[in-house]
C-alpha atoms as a PDB file:
ATOM      1  CA  MET A   1       0.000   0.000   0.000  1.00  0.00           C
ATOM      2  CA  THR A   2       1.390   3.407  -0.994  1.00  0.00           C
ATOM      3  CA  THR A   3       1.801   6.182   1.565  1.00  0.00           C
ATOM      4  CA  GLN A   4      -1.051   8.212   0.082  1.00  0.00           C
ATOM      5  CA  LYS A   5      -3.435   5.244   0.093  1.00  0.00           C
ATOM      6  CA  ARG A   6      -2.487   4.375   3.668  1.00  0.00           C
ATOM      7  CA  LEU A   7      -3.163   7.937   4.778  1.00  0.00           C
ATOM      8  CA  LEU A   8      -6.566   8.027   3.068  1.00  0.00           C
ATOM      9  CA  PHE A   9      -7.445   4.610   4.473  1.00  0.00           C
ATOM     10  CA  SER A  10      -6.378   5.657   7.986  1.00  0.00           C
ATOM     11  CA  TYR A  11      -8.291   8.937   7.867  1.00  0.00           C
ATOM     12  CA  GLY A  12     -11.321   7.005   6.611  1.00  0.00           C
ATOM     13  CA  ILE A  13     -11.126   4.585   9.539  1.00  0.00           C
ATOM     14  CA  LEU A  14     -10.829   7.441  12.045  1.00  0.00           C
ATOM     15  CA  ALA A  15     -13.722   9.361  10.453  1.00  0.00           C
ATOM     16  CA  VAL A  16     -16.023   6.314  10.434  1.00  0.00           C
ATOM     17  CA  LEU A  17     -15.063   5.458  14.015  1.00  0.00           C
ATOM     18  CA  LEU A  18     -15.787   9.035  15.068  1.00  0.00           C
ATOM     19  CA  ALA A  19     -19.199   9.020  13.353  1.00  0.00           C
ATOM     20  CA  VAL A  20     -20.203   5.656  14.865  1.00  0.00           C
ATOM     21  CA  LEU A  21     -19.162   6.651  18.373  1.00  0.00           C
ATOM     22  CA  PHE A  22     -20.866  10.041  18.061  1.00  0.00           C
ATOM     23  CA  ALA A  23     -24.112   8.301  17.100  1.00  0.00           C
ATOM     24  CA  ALA A  24     -23.695   5.766  19.919  1.00  0.00           C
ATOM     25  CA  ASN A  25     -23.351   8.608  22.430  1.00  0.00           C
ATOM     26  CA  LEU A  26     -26.732   9.920  21.298  1.00  0.00           C
ATOM     27  CA  PHE A  27     -28.459   6.518  21.441  1.00  0.00           C
ATOM     28  CA  TRP A  28     -27.055   5.043  24.648  1.00  0.00           C
ATOM     29  CA  GLY A  29     -27.220   6.225  28.236  1.00  0.00           C
ATOM     30  CA  SER A  30     -29.238   5.805  31.394  1.00  0.00           C
ATOM     31  CA  VAL A  31     -32.302   6.166  29.125  1.00  0.00           C
ATOM     32  CA  ALA A  32     -32.009   4.119  25.914  1.00  0.00           C
ATOM     33  CA  LEU A  33     -33.484   5.799  22.831  1.00  0.00           C
ATOM     34  CA  THR A  34     -34.312   4.296  19.452  1.00  0.00           C
ATOM     35  CA  PRO A  35     -32.656   5.618  16.258  1.00  0.00           C
ATOM     36  CA  GLU A  36     -36.076   6.855  15.140  1.00  0.00           C
ATOM     37  CA  ALA A  37     -36.516   8.908  18.317  1.00  0.00           C
ATOM     38  CA  VAL A  38     -33.025  10.386  17.968  1.00  0.00           C
ATOM     39  CA  LEU A  39     -33.510  11.311  14.296  1.00  0.00           C
ATOM     40  CA  SER A  40     -36.912  12.830  15.008  1.00  0.00           C
ATOM     41  CA  ALA A  41     -35.459  14.937  17.813  1.00  0.00           C
ATOM     42  CA  LEU A  42     -32.567  16.108  15.629  1.00  0.00           C
ATOM     43  CA  LEU A  43     -34.913  17.031  12.781  1.00  0.00           C
ATOM     44  CA  GLY A  44     -37.293  18.854  15.104  1.00  0.00           C
ATOM     45  CA  ARG A  45     -40.120  16.392  14.582  1.00  0.00           C
ATOM     46  CA  GLY A  46     -40.006  14.637  17.942  1.00  0.00           C
ATOM     47  CA  GLN A  47     -43.356  14.138  19.658  1.00  0.00           C
ATOM     48  CA  ASP A  48     -41.951  12.986  23.014  1.00  0.00           C
ATOM     49  CA  ALA A  49     -40.845  16.103  24.912  1.00  0.00           C
ATOM     50  CA  LEU A  50     -38.594  14.097  27.245  1.00  0.00           C
ATOM     51  CA  SER A  51     -36.729  12.415  24.370  1.00  0.00           C
ATOM     52  CA  VAL A  52     -36.299  15.735  22.564  1.00  0.00           C
ATOM     53  CA  ARG A  53     -34.886  17.367  25.691  1.00  0.00           C
ATOM     54  CA  ILE A  54     -32.516  14.461  26.383  1.00  0.00           C
ATOM     55  CA  ILE A  55     -31.104  14.665  22.855  1.00  0.00           C
ATOM     56  CA  THR A  56     -31.026  18.397  22.181  1.00  0.00           C
ATOM     57  CA  GLN A  57     -30.169  19.703  25.651  1.00  0.00           C
ATOM     58  CA  LEU A  58     -28.135  16.897  27.214  1.00  0.00           C
ATOM     59  CA  ARG A  59     -26.571  14.356  24.879  1.00  0.00           C
ATOM     60  CA  LEU A  60     -25.946  16.403  21.724  1.00  0.00           C
ATOM     61  CA  PRO A  61     -24.103  19.339  23.367  1.00  0.00           C
ATOM     62  CA  ARG A  62     -22.167  16.865  25.489  1.00  0.00           C
ATOM     63  CA  ALA A  63     -21.104  14.808  22.448  1.00  0.00           C
ATOM     64  CA  VAL A  64     -20.088  17.928  20.498  1.00  0.00           C
ATOM     65  CA  MET A  65     -18.112  19.149  23.524  1.00  0.00           C
ATOM     66  CA  VAL A  66     -16.358  15.780  23.844  1.00  0.00           C
ATOM     67  CA  VAL A  67     -15.314  16.002  20.186  1.00  0.00           C
ATOM     68  CA  LEU A  68     -13.923  19.514  20.645  1.00  0.00           C
ATOM     69  CA  LEU A  69     -12.087  18.818  23.894  1.00  0.00           C
ATOM     70  CA  GLY A  70     -10.821  15.400  22.788  1.00  0.00           C
ATOM     71  CA  ALA A  71      -9.294  16.950  19.673  1.00  0.00           C
ATOM     72  CA  ALA A  72      -7.803  19.780  21.745  1.00  0.00           C
ATOM     73  CA  LEU A  73      -6.263  17.442  24.311  1.00  0.00           C
ATOM     74  CA  SER A  74      -4.707  15.152  21.727  1.00  0.00           C
ATOM     75  CA  ALA A  75      -3.308  18.084  19.718  1.00  0.00           C
ATOM     76  CA  ALA A  76      -1.908  19.666  22.903  1.00  0.00           C
ATOM     77  CA  GLY A  77      -0.121  16.414  23.721  1.00  0.00           C
ATOM     78  CA  TYR A  78       1.380  16.221  20.239  1.00  0.00           C
ATOM     79  CA  LEU A  79       2.600  19.830  20.415  1.00  0.00           C
ATOM     80  CA  LEU A  80       4.262  19.174  23.786  1.00  0.00           C
ATOM     81  CA  GLN A  81       5.893  15.977  22.512  1.00  0.00           C
ATOM     82  CA  THR A  82       7.266  17.954  19.573  1.00  0.00           C
ATOM     83  CA  PHE A  83       8.502  20.818  21.753  1.00  0.00           C
ATOM     84  CA  PHE A  84      10.227  18.656  24.386  1.00  0.00           C
ATOM     85  CA  ALA A  85      11.216  15.898  21.912  1.00  0.00           C
ATOM     86  CA  ASN A  86       9.855  13.471  24.489  1.00  0.00           C
ATOM     87  CA  PRO A  87       7.321  10.728  23.646  1.00  0.00           C
ATOM     88  CA  ILE A  88       5.628  10.802  27.063  1.00  0.00           C
ATOM     89  CA  ALA A  89       5.271  14.564  27.340  1.00  0.00           C
ATOM     90  CA  GLY A  90       1.641  15.587  27.712  1.00  0.00           C
ATOM     91  CA  PRO A  91      -0.552  18.112  29.544  1.00  0.00           C
ATOM     92  CA  PHE A  92      -1.300  15.710  32.400  1.00  0.00           C
ATOM     93  CA  VAL A  93       2.211  14.274  32.823  1.00  0.00           C
ATOM     94  CA  MET A  94       3.979  17.644  32.594  1.00  0.00           C
ATOM     95  CA  GLY A  95       1.745  19.116  35.317  1.00  0.00           C
ATOM     96  CA  ILE A  96       0.055  21.630  32.988  1.00  0.00           C
ATOM     97  CA  SER A  97      -3.442  20.234  33.500  1.00  0.00           C
ATOM     98  CA  SER A  98      -2.907  20.192  37.280  1.00  0.00           C
ATOM     99  CA  GLY A  99      -1.769  23.811  37.269  1.00  0.00           C
ATOM    100  CA  ALA A 100      -4.880  24.785  35.326  1.00  0.00           C
ATOM    101  CA  LYS A 101      -7.001  22.683  37.689  1.00  0.00           C
ATOM    102  CA  LEU A 102      -5.625  24.494  40.753  1.00  0.00           C
ATOM    103  CA  ALA A 103      -6.226  27.949  39.282  1.00  0.00           C
ATOM    104  CA  VAL A 104      -9.808  27.104  38.247  1.00  0.00           C
ATOM    105  CA  ALA A 105     -10.534  25.560  41.657  1.00  0.00           C
ATOM    106  CA  LEU A 106      -9.312  28.688  43.465  1.00  0.00           C
ATOM    107  CA  VAL A 107     -11.398  30.975  41.239  1.00  0.00           C
ATOM    108  CA  MET A 108     -14.507  28.809  41.585  1.00  0.00           C
ATOM    109  CA  VAL A 109     -14.212  28.641  45.373  1.00  0.00           C
ATOM    110  CA  VAL A 110     -13.751  32.411  45.683  1.00  0.00           C
ATOM    111  CA  PHE A 111     -16.707  33.130  43.412  1.00  0.00           C
ATOM    112  CA  LEU A 112     -18.968  30.504  44.990  1.00  0.00           C
ATOM    113  CA  ASN A 113     -18.182  31.649  48.536  1.00  0.00           C
ATOM    114  CA  GLN A 114     -19.188  35.169  47.499  1.00  0.00           C
ATOM    115  CA  GLY A 115     -22.422  33.911  45.954  1.00  0.00           C
ATOM    116  CA  LEU A 116     -21.270  34.656  42.401  1.00  0.00           C
ATOM    117  CA  LEU A 117     -21.326  32.520  39.272  1.00  0.00           C
ATOM    118  CA  THR A 118     -18.251  31.981  37.133  1.00  0.00           C
ATOM    119  CA  SER A 119     -18.451  32.641  33.405  1.00  0.00           C
ATOM    120  CA  SER A 120     -16.797  30.450  30.766  1.00  0.00           C
ATOM    121  CA  LEU A 121     -14.345  33.254  29.959  1.00  0.00           C
ATOM    122  CA  THR A 122     -13.320  33.564  33.615  1.00  0.00           C
ATOM    123  CA  LEU A 123     -12.690  29.826  33.886  1.00  0.00           C
ATOM    124  CA  ILE A 124     -10.687  29.728  30.649  1.00  0.00           C
ATOM    125  CA  LEU A 125      -8.532  32.694  31.707  1.00  0.00           C
ATOM    126  CA  ALA A 126      -7.928  31.170  35.137  1.00  0.00           C
ATOM    127  CA  ALA A 127      -7.044  27.803  33.618  1.00  0.00           C
ATOM    128  CA  PHE A 128      -4.699  29.439  31.112  1.00  0.00           C
ATOM    129  CA  ALA A 129      -2.949  31.362  33.900  1.00  0.00           C
ATOM    130  CA  GLY A 130      -2.513  28.152  35.905  1.00  0.00           C
ATOM    131  CA  ALA A 131      -1.320  26.218  32.867  1.00  0.00           C
ATOM    132  CA  MET A 132       1.225  28.902  31.980  1.00  0.00           C
ATOM    133  CA  ALA A 133       2.494  28.996  35.578  1.00  0.00           C
ATOM    134  CA  ALA A 134       3.044  25.229  35.535  1.00  0.00           C
ATOM    135  CA  MET A 135       4.649  25.439  32.085  1.00  0.00           C
ATOM    136  CA  ALA A 136       6.948  28.233  33.287  1.00  0.00           C
ATOM    137  CA  PHE A 137       8.144  25.967  36.103  1.00  0.00           C
ATOM    138  CA  VAL A 138       8.770  23.088  33.694  1.00  0.00           C
ATOM    139  CA  LEU A 139      10.675  25.368  31.293  1.00  0.00           C
ATOM    140  CA  ALA A 140      12.792  26.714  34.179  1.00  0.00           C
ATOM    141  CA  VAL A 141      13.683  23.153  35.167  1.00  0.00           C
ATOM    142  CA  SER A 142      14.460  22.227  31.545  1.00  0.00           C
ATOM    143  CA  ARG A 143      17.230  24.839  31.471  1.00  0.00           C
ATOM    144  CA  ARG A 144      18.942  23.208  34.457  1.00  0.00           C
ATOM    145  CA  VAL A 145      18.702  19.526  33.566  1.00  0.00           C
ATOM    146  CA  GLN A 146      19.889  17.652  30.500  1.00  0.00           C
ATOM    147  CA  ARG A 147      18.018  14.377  30.916  1.00  0.00           C
ATOM    148  CA  MET A 148      14.406  14.432  29.754  1.00  0.00           C
ATOM    149  CA  SER A 149      13.504  11.718  32.264  1.00  0.00           C
ATOM    150  CA  ILE A 150      14.304  14.121  35.128  1.00  0.00           C
ATOM    151  CA  LEU A 151      12.219  16.827  33.468  1.00  0.00           C
ATOM    152  CA  VAL A 152       9.238  14.479  33.206  1.00  0.00           C
ATOM    153  CA  ILE A 153       9.599  13.499  36.872  1.00  0.00           C
ATOM    154  CA  CYS A 154       9.636  17.184  37.848  1.00  0.00           C
ATOM    155  CA  GLY A 155       6.482  17.698  35.782  1.00  0.00           C
ATOM    156  CA  VAL A 156       4.794  14.806  37.560  1.00  0.00           C
ATOM    157  CA  MET A 157       5.832  16.239  40.938  1.00  0.00           C
ATOM    158  CA  ILE A 158       4.418  19.698  40.186  1.00  0.00           C
ATOM    159  CA  GLY A 159       1.236  17.930  39.113  1.00  0.00           C
ATOM    160  CA  TYR A 160       1.016  16.135  42.461  1.00  0.00           C
ATOM    161  CA  ILE A 161       1.654  19.375  44.365  1.00  0.00           C
ATOM    162  CA  CYS A 162      -1.075  21.236  42.447  1.00  0.00           C
ATOM    163  CA  SER A 163      -3.511  18.330  42.892  1.00  0.00           C
ATOM    164  CA  ALA A 164      -2.809  18.182  46.635  1.00  0.00           C
ATOM    165  CA  ILE A 165      -3.432  21.920  47.054  1.00  0.00           C
ATOM    166  CA  THR A 166      -6.623  21.580  45.008  1.00  0.00           C
ATOM    167  CA  GLU A 167      -7.858  18.814  47.314  1.00  0.00           C
ATOM    168  CA  PHE A 168      -7.238  21.058  50.337  1.00  0.00           C
ATOM    169  CA  VAL A 169      -9.156  23.877  48.658  1.00  0.00           C
ATOM    170  CA  VAL A 170     -12.083  21.599  47.863  1.00  0.00           C
ATOM    171  CA  ALA A 171     -12.090  19.951  51.297  1.00  0.00           C
ATOM    172  CA  PHE A 172     -12.212  23.201  53.279  1.00  0.00           C
ATOM    173  CA  ALA A 173     -14.527  25.184  51.023  1.00  0.00           C
ATOM    174  CA  GLN A 174     -17.763  26.142  52.777  1.00  0.00           C
ATOM    175  CA  ASP A 175     -20.203  26.417  49.900  1.00  0.00           C
ATOM    176  CA  SER A 176     -22.700  23.612  49.368  1.00  0.00           C
ATOM    177  CA  ASN A 177     -22.132  23.806  45.604  1.00  0.00           C
ATOM    178  CA  ILE A 178     -18.554  22.638  46.106  1.00  0.00           C
ATOM    179  CA  VAL A 179     -19.751  19.089  45.459  1.00  0.00           C
ATOM    180  CA  ASN A 180     -19.887  20.137  41.804  1.00  0.00           C
ATOM    181  CA  LEU A 181     -16.289  21.327  42.057  1.00  0.00           C
ATOM    182  CA  HIS A 182     -15.268  17.948  43.496  1.00  0.00           C
ATOM    183  CA  ASN A 183     -16.923  16.107  40.608  1.00  0.00           C
ATOM    184  CA  TRP A 184     -15.235  18.443  38.125  1.00  0.00           C
ATOM    185  CA  SER A 185     -11.841  17.956  39.780  1.00  0.00           C
ATOM    186  CA  GLN A 186     -12.085  14.219  39.043  1.00  0.00           C
ATOM    187  CA  GLY A 187     -12.684  14.871  35.336  1.00  0.00           C
ATOM    188  CA  SER A 188     -16.154  14.803  33.775  1.00  0.00           C
ATOM    189  CA  PHE A 189     -17.996  15.833  30.604  1.00  0.00           C
ATOM    190  CA  SER A 190     -21.359  16.011  32.387  1.00  0.00           C
ATOM    191  CA  GLY A 191     -23.478  19.155  32.479  1.00  0.00           C
ATOM    192  CA  MET A 192     -22.240  20.589  29.174  1.00  0.00           C
ATOM    193  CA  THR A 193     -24.462  23.254  27.610  1.00  0.00           C
ATOM    194  CA  TRP A 194     -24.596  24.911  24.200  1.00  0.00           C
ATOM    195  CA  GLY A 195     -23.097  27.998  25.833  1.00  0.00           C
ATOM    196  CA  ASN A 196     -20.100  25.900  26.909  1.00  0.00           C
ATOM    197  CA  VAL A 197     -19.804  24.514  23.388  1.00  0.00           C
ATOM    198  CA  ARG A 198     -19.721  27.992  21.846  1.00  0.00           C
ATOM    199  CA  ALA A 199     -17.142  29.246  24.343  1.00  0.00           C
ATOM    200  CA  ALA A 200     -14.901  26.201  23.845  1.00  0.00           C
ATOM    201  CA  ALA A 201     -15.206  26.387  20.054  1.00  0.00           C
ATOM    202  CA  LEU A 202     -14.078  30.038  20.083  1.00  0.00           C
ATOM    203  CA  VAL A 203     -10.847  28.931  21.777  1.00  0.00           C
ATOM    204  CA  VAL A 204     -10.198  25.436  20.410  1.00  0.00           C
ATOM    205  CA  LEU A 205     -10.897  25.908  16.688  1.00  0.00           C
ATOM    206  CA  PRO A 206      -8.601  28.944  16.158  1.00  0.00           C
ATOM    207  CA  ALA A 207      -5.880  27.287  18.264  1.00  0.00           C
ATOM    208  CA  LEU A 208      -6.088  24.078  16.202  1.00  0.00           C
ATOM    209  CA  ALA A 209      -5.992  26.110  12.972  1.00  0.00           C
ATOM    210  CA  ALA A 210      -2.898  27.948  14.228  1.00  0.00           C
ATOM    211  CA  ALA A 211      -1.242  24.645  15.176  1.00  0.00           C
ATOM    212  CA  PHE A 212      -1.961  23.273  11.703  1.00  0.00           C
ATOM    213  CA  CYS A 213      -0.344  26.380  10.156  1.00  0.00           C
ATOM    214  CA  LEU A 214       2.815  25.527  12.136  1.00  0.00           C
ATOM    215  CA  SER A 215       3.109  22.079  10.518  1.00  0.00           C
ATOM    216  CA  LYS A 216       6.005  23.067   8.250  1.00  0.00           C
ATOM    217  CA  PRO A 217       8.217  24.679  10.944  1.00  0.00           C
ATOM    218  CA  MET A 218       7.339  21.762  13.252  1.00  0.00           C
ATOM    219  CA  SER A 219       8.741  19.335  10.692  1.00  0.00           C
ATOM    220  CA  ALA A 220      11.967  21.336  10.625  1.00  0.00           C
ATOM    221  CA  TYR A 221      12.049  21.616  14.433  1.00  0.00           C
ATOM    222  CA  GLN A 222      11.800  17.826  14.732  1.00  0.00           C
ATOM    223  CA  MET A 223      15.166  17.647  12.931  1.00  0.00           C
ATOM    224  CA  GLY A 224      16.786  19.802  15.631  1.00  0.00           C
ATOM    225  CA  GLU A 225      17.008  23.496  16.473  1.00  0.00           C
ATOM    226  CA  ALA A 226      20.147  23.998  14.364  1.00  0.00           C
ATOM    227  CA  TYR A 227      18.451  22.559  11.285  1.00  0.00           C
ATOM    228  CA  ALA A 228      15.307  24.605  11.916  1.00  0.00           C
ATOM    229  CA  GLN A 229      17.348  27.807  12.120  1.00  0.00           C
ATOM    230  CA  SER A 230      19.232  26.888   8.944  1.00  0.00           C
ATOM    231  CA  VAL A 231      15.967  26.723   6.973  1.00  0.00           C
ATOM    232  CA  GLY A 232      14.743  30.071   8.268  1.00  0.00           C
ATOM    233  CA  VAL A 233      12.641  29.143  11.317  1.00  0.00           C
ATOM    234  CA  ASN A 234      12.702  31.704  14.121  1.00  0.00           C
ATOM    235  CA  VAL A 235      13.142  29.060  16.817  1.00  0.00           C
ATOM    236  CA  LYS A 236      12.560  31.405  19.753  1.00  0.00           C
ATOM    237  CA  ARG A 237       9.276  32.738  18.396  1.00  0.00           C
ATOM    238  CA  PHE A 238       8.216  29.291  17.207  1.00  0.00           C
ATOM    239  CA  SER A 239       8.896  27.752  20.635  1.00  0.00           C
ATOM    240  CA  ARG A 240       6.876  30.449  22.401  1.00  0.00           C
ATOM    241  CA  THR A 241       3.956  29.937  20.015  1.00  0.00           C
ATOM    242  CA  LEU A 242       4.064  26.175  20.535  1.00  0.00           C
ATOM    243  CA  VAL A 243       4.042  26.592  24.325  1.00  0.00           C
ATOM    244  CA  LEU A 244       1.184  29.102  24.200  1.00  0.00           C
ATOM    245  CA  LEU A 245      -0.972  26.945  21.904  1.00  0.00           C
ATOM    246  CA  SER A 246      -0.443  23.735  23.881  1.00  0.00           C
ATOM    247  CA  SER A 247      -1.134  25.526  27.177  1.00  0.00           C
ATOM    248  CA  LEU A 248      -4.247  27.225  25.774  1.00  0.00           C
ATOM    249  CA  LEU A 249      -5.676  23.948  24.446  1.00  0.00           C
ATOM    250  CA  ALA A 250      -4.950  22.082  27.690  1.00  0.00           C
ATOM    251  CA  ALA A 251      -6.353  24.974  29.756  1.00  0.00           C
ATOM    252  CA  CYS A 252      -9.612  25.018  27.786  1.00  0.00           C
ATOM    253  CA  VAL A 253     -10.099  21.287  28.364  1.00  0.00           C
ATOM    254  CA  THR A 254      -9.380  21.610  32.089  1.00  0.00           C
ATOM    255  CA  ALA A 255     -11.660  24.640  32.491  1.00  0.00           C
ATOM    256  CA  PHE A 256     -14.697  22.750  31.227  1.00  0.00           C
ATOM    257  CA  ALA A 257     -14.036  19.066  31.943  1.00  0.00           C
ATOM    258  CA  GLY A 258     -11.346  19.022  34.623  1.00  0.00           C
ATOM    259  CA  PRO A 259      -8.030  17.174  34.281  1.00  0.00           C
ATOM    260  CA  ILE A 260      -8.152  14.240  31.859  1.00  0.00           C
ATOM    261  CA  SER A 261      -5.221  11.841  31.852  1.00  0.00           C
ATOM    262  CA  PHE A 262      -3.321   9.946  29.135  1.00  0.00           C
ATOM    263  CA  VAL A 263      -5.275  11.179  26.093  1.00  0.00           C
ATOM    264  CA  GLY A 264      -2.539  13.646  25.162  1.00  0.00           C
ATOM    265  CA  ILE A 265       0.126  10.947  25.417  1.00  0.00           C
ATOM    266  CA  ALA A 266      -1.519   7.837  24.019  1.00  0.00           C
ATOM    267  CA  VAL A 267      -3.527   9.158  21.061  1.00  0.00           C
ATOM    268  CA  PRO A 268      -0.661  10.849  19.129  1.00  0.00           C
ATOM    269  CA  HIS A 269       1.378   7.637  19.238  1.00  0.00           C
ATOM    270  CA  LEU A 270      -1.549   5.467  18.161  1.00  0.00           C
ATOM    271  CA  VAL A 271      -2.252   7.875  15.310  1.00  0.00           C
ATOM    272  CA  LYS A 272       1.384   7.846  14.147  1.00  0.00           C
ATOM    273  CA  GLN A 273       1.349   4.050  14.161  1.00  0.00           C
ATOM    274  CA  LEU A 274      -1.878   3.990  12.153  1.00  0.00           C
ATOM    275  CA  LEU A 275      -0.743   6.593   9.611  1.00  0.00           C
ATOM    276  CA  GLY A 276       2.779   5.225   9.299  1.00  0.00           C
ATOM    277  CA  SER A 277       4.050   8.809   9.316  1.00  0.00           C
ATOM    278  CA  ALA A 278       5.382  11.320  11.845  1.00  0.00           C
ATOM    279  CA  ARG A 279       4.927  14.423   9.671  1.00  0.00           C
ATOM    280  CA  PRO A 280       2.948  17.081  11.562  1.00  0.00           C
ATOM    281  CA  LEU A 281       0.962  17.939   8.416  1.00  0.00           C
ATOM    282  CA  PHE A 282      -0.528  14.429   8.516  1.00  0.00           C
ATOM    283  CA  VAL A 283      -0.413  13.675  12.242  1.00  0.00           C
ATOM    284  CA  LEU A 284      -2.229  16.775  13.525  1.00  0.00           C
ATOM    285  CA  PRO A 285      -5.519  16.107  11.655  1.00  0.00           C
ATOM    286  CA  GLY A 286      -5.243  12.455  12.674  1.00  0.00           C
ATOM    287  CA  CYS A 287      -4.752  13.495  16.311  1.00  0.00           C
ATOM    288  CA  CYS A 288      -7.898  15.619  16.174  1.00  0.00           C
ATOM    289  CA  LEU A 289      -9.966  12.753  14.742  1.00  0.00           C
ATOM    290  CA  GLY A 290      -8.357  10.144  17.003  1.00  0.00           C
ATOM    291  CA  GLY A 291      -8.603  12.250  20.164  1.00  0.00           C
ATOM    292  CA  ALA A 292     -12.268  13.000  19.522  1.00  0.00           C
ATOM    293  CA  ALA A 293     -13.091   9.320  18.858  1.00  0.00           C
ATOM    294  CA  PHE A 294     -11.086   8.133  21.879  1.00  0.00           C
ATOM    295  CA  CYS A 295     -12.827  10.559  24.242  1.00  0.00           C
ATOM    296  CA  LEU A 296     -16.259   9.664  22.822  1.00  0.00           C
ATOM    297  CA  LEU A 297     -15.545   6.002  23.541  1.00  0.00           C
ATOM    298  CA  CYS A 298     -14.319   6.710  27.073  1.00  0.00           C
ATOM    299  CA  ASP A 299     -17.234   9.044  27.839  1.00  0.00           C
ATOM    300  CA  LEU A 300     -19.726   6.458  26.583  1.00  0.00           C
ATOM    301  CA  ILE A 301     -18.198   3.869  28.904  1.00  0.00           C
ATOM    302  CA  ALA A 302     -18.004   6.327  31.823  1.00  0.00           C
ATOM    303  CA  ARG A 303     -21.724   7.168  31.760  1.00  0.00           C
ATOM    304  CA  SER A 304     -23.158   3.858  30.532  1.00  0.00           C
ATOM    305  CA  LEU A 305     -21.200   1.063  32.218  1.00  0.00           C
ATOM    306  CA  PHE A 306     -22.715   1.534  35.684  1.00  0.00           C
ATOM    307  CA  ALA A 307     -25.622   3.855  34.787  1.00  0.00           C
ATOM    308  CA  PRO A 308     -27.049   5.882  36.423  1.00  0.00           C
ATOM    309  CA  THR A 309     -23.744   6.153  38.328  1.00  0.00           C
ATOM    310  CA  GLU A 310     -21.179   7.997  36.204  1.00  0.00           C
ATOM    311  CA  LEU A 311     -17.480   7.171  36.392  1.00  0.00           C
ATOM    312  CA  SER A 312     -14.694   9.738  36.332  1.00  0.00           C
ATOM    313  CA  ILE A 313     -13.576  10.220  32.729  1.00  0.00           C
ATOM    314  CA  SER A 314      -9.909  10.136  33.809  1.00  0.00           C
ATOM    315  CA  ALA A 315     -10.433   6.691  35.344  1.00  0.00           C
ATOM    316  CA  VAL A 316     -11.591   5.352  31.981  1.00  0.00           C
ATOM    317  CA  THR A 317      -8.959   7.121  29.874  1.00  0.00           C
ATOM    318  CA  ALA A 318      -6.258   5.799  32.219  1.00  0.00           C
ATOM    319  CA  VAL A 319      -7.464   2.196  31.718  1.00  0.00           C
ATOM    320  CA  PHE A 320      -7.005   2.512  27.946  1.00  0.00           C
ATOM    321  CA  GLY A 321      -4.185   5.051  27.814  1.00  0.00           C
ATOM    322  CA  ALA A 322      -1.776   3.749  30.461  1.00  0.00           C
ATOM    323  CA  PRO A 323      -1.111   0.418  28.654  1.00  0.00           C
ATOM    324  CA  VAL A 324      -0.168   2.412  25.529  1.00  0.00           C
ATOM    325  CA  VAL A 325       2.389   4.411  27.533  1.00  0.00           C
ATOM    326  CA  ILE A 326       3.795   1.218  29.102  1.00  0.00           C
ATOM    327  CA  TRP A 327       4.091  -0.394  25.663  1.00  0.00           C
ATOM    328  CA  LEU A 328       5.809   2.738  24.342  1.00  0.00           C
ATOM    329  CA  LEU A 329       8.369   2.779  27.166  1.00  0.00           C
ATOM    330  CA  ILE A 330       9.124  -0.936  26.775  1.00  0.00           C
ATOM    331  CA  ARG A 331       9.595  -0.560  23.013  1.00  0.00           C
ATOM    332  CA  ARG A 332      11.906   2.436  23.406  1.00  0.00           C
ATOM    333  CA  ASN A 333      13.936   0.556  26.017  1.00  0.00           C
ATOM    334  CA  GLN A 334      14.287  -2.414  23.667  1.00  0.00           C
ATOM    335  CA  GLU A 335      15.322  -0.150  20.801  1.00  0.00           C
ATOM    336  CA  GLY A 336      17.876   1.573  23.035  1.00  0.00           C
ATOM    337  CA  ALA A 337      19.351  -1.785  24.102  1.00  0.00           C
ATOM    338  CA  ARG A 338      20.077  -2.821  20.498  1.00  0.00           C
END
């Protein structure tokens, strides 16, 4: 099979998988609906008010949000792996998601204790500030250490510190609505509205478009900073843009769904294996499709496996994503031993 045919075949598989899982998220749940009921609700012809509300106000905005945030998380992981030249770099592992989580938790507690509601813009800005603070720490450490393994460990440690502080904040908050904050801090796509979808789309779609426009300099950067400079890439500006985009995408996910583990690490590697290519021009669209499909699958399992009880989305993504990371580390160790 030629490279072009393999790419088309792989994109086709990802697109079909995404469509099937999107439909399944509309059909399945604590209340099972027939395809006829779902189609009628989508076309505005539904006679059952409950079914129409379940589809149009609960499941459809949630599924669209999962697609957006899944694509954002996977793309953020790929950008971080490119920037650090490390296969296990990702928003969760590098502590970026935890930094965003801490900032959002602090803002939510302050607003809730004062009887105020937080807007989507406030949450996104808080998450971005927290993500950038965590990224600044990681970048400061990267200037002092040469081994990427130490850098990853430092990222994991800052993640644990931020998560511990967040737990203290949640535990000692006085507002009765803090139970929602606790559920969010575990990672969840529940409670998504069309307003959330619009706010997330305004951040995620331009950021993904900007990342796609960086495909060519990313290809050069993968060959090393010296090579990138030799072909005219402003490495300093490019690096800053990459950091900003990855932090913004990870912050948007955390602001709405809380910290979600392993998607940003596992999906880019699975996509590269499927495509048989590591070129950013091909991998980035595949990451968006793959991340969206992966999160749809995990969300379907999280809310349907023990319905009406809903599992934490991070618990499900870890079950599927952690084995991929283990396999990746074992393979790299075997390749290094040869």
